[in-house]
C-alpha cells in the first residue's frame, strides 16, 4: 500500500499547508496551518464490481461507486491535531432488482512528507439499494491524529522562511525552499489526510487503464 500511495500521490511539497496571501510592504506573506490537507488518492476514488468476477467487459459491470463531497474539519488545540473527513459514497447497479446491500471498504491514512504513511485504517460503508432502484447513497467519516510537535517547523527554519526581505537585496531573489535543509524540514512537517477505496491490484489496474 505504501508503494501504491507513493506512485499515486501527486502533490506539491506544501500541499499540507492552508494559506492566505497577505500583501504587505516588501512582499507577499502567507500563513501556514499545521492542519493536514484532506483529499482522495488519485485512482482510488472510484470502484467497479463485475459479475462474473474476473471479467472487465462493459457488459459484466455489476456495481459502480464513487467517493464525493469530501469535507473536513480540524482541531488544532492541544498536543494533537485532529483532522476529521466526511464524505459521500454514491453507487449505481446494473439491474434494478430486489433490495440489496453492497459493502465497500475504504482506507484513510495520515501521510507525512507526501510519501510516508504514518498511520492507516480501513473501514466499511454499505450501499443499500432499494427494491427497483439502481442508485444508492451513503456517507462515511474518517479521523486521524497528528502530533503537533511533528507538524511544527523548527524555530530556525521558521525564522528563515519568515525573515523580511527587502527588494533589491540578494536574499529577496532567492527562494528559501531552494535550501535542501529548509525544504526537508518543511516536508517532514507537512501531513496529508488521504482517503480512497481499498482496492485490489486488479481494481487499481482497471482504474488506471479504463
Foldseek 3Di string as FASTA:
>chain_A
DLVVQLVQFDDDQLQQFDWDWDDDPQGIDIDGDLHGAEDAGPLFQKFWQFVVPPDDDPVGTFKIKGKDDKDWDWDDPDQKIKIKIKIKMKMFGDDQAAKDKDKFKKKKFKAALSRRTPDMDIDIDIFIRHRRGGMTMDMDMDMDIDGPVQLDAPPVLVCLQPPRDHPPDPSVVDHPCVPVVSVVRSRRNHIHIYMGTPDDPVRSVSSVPD
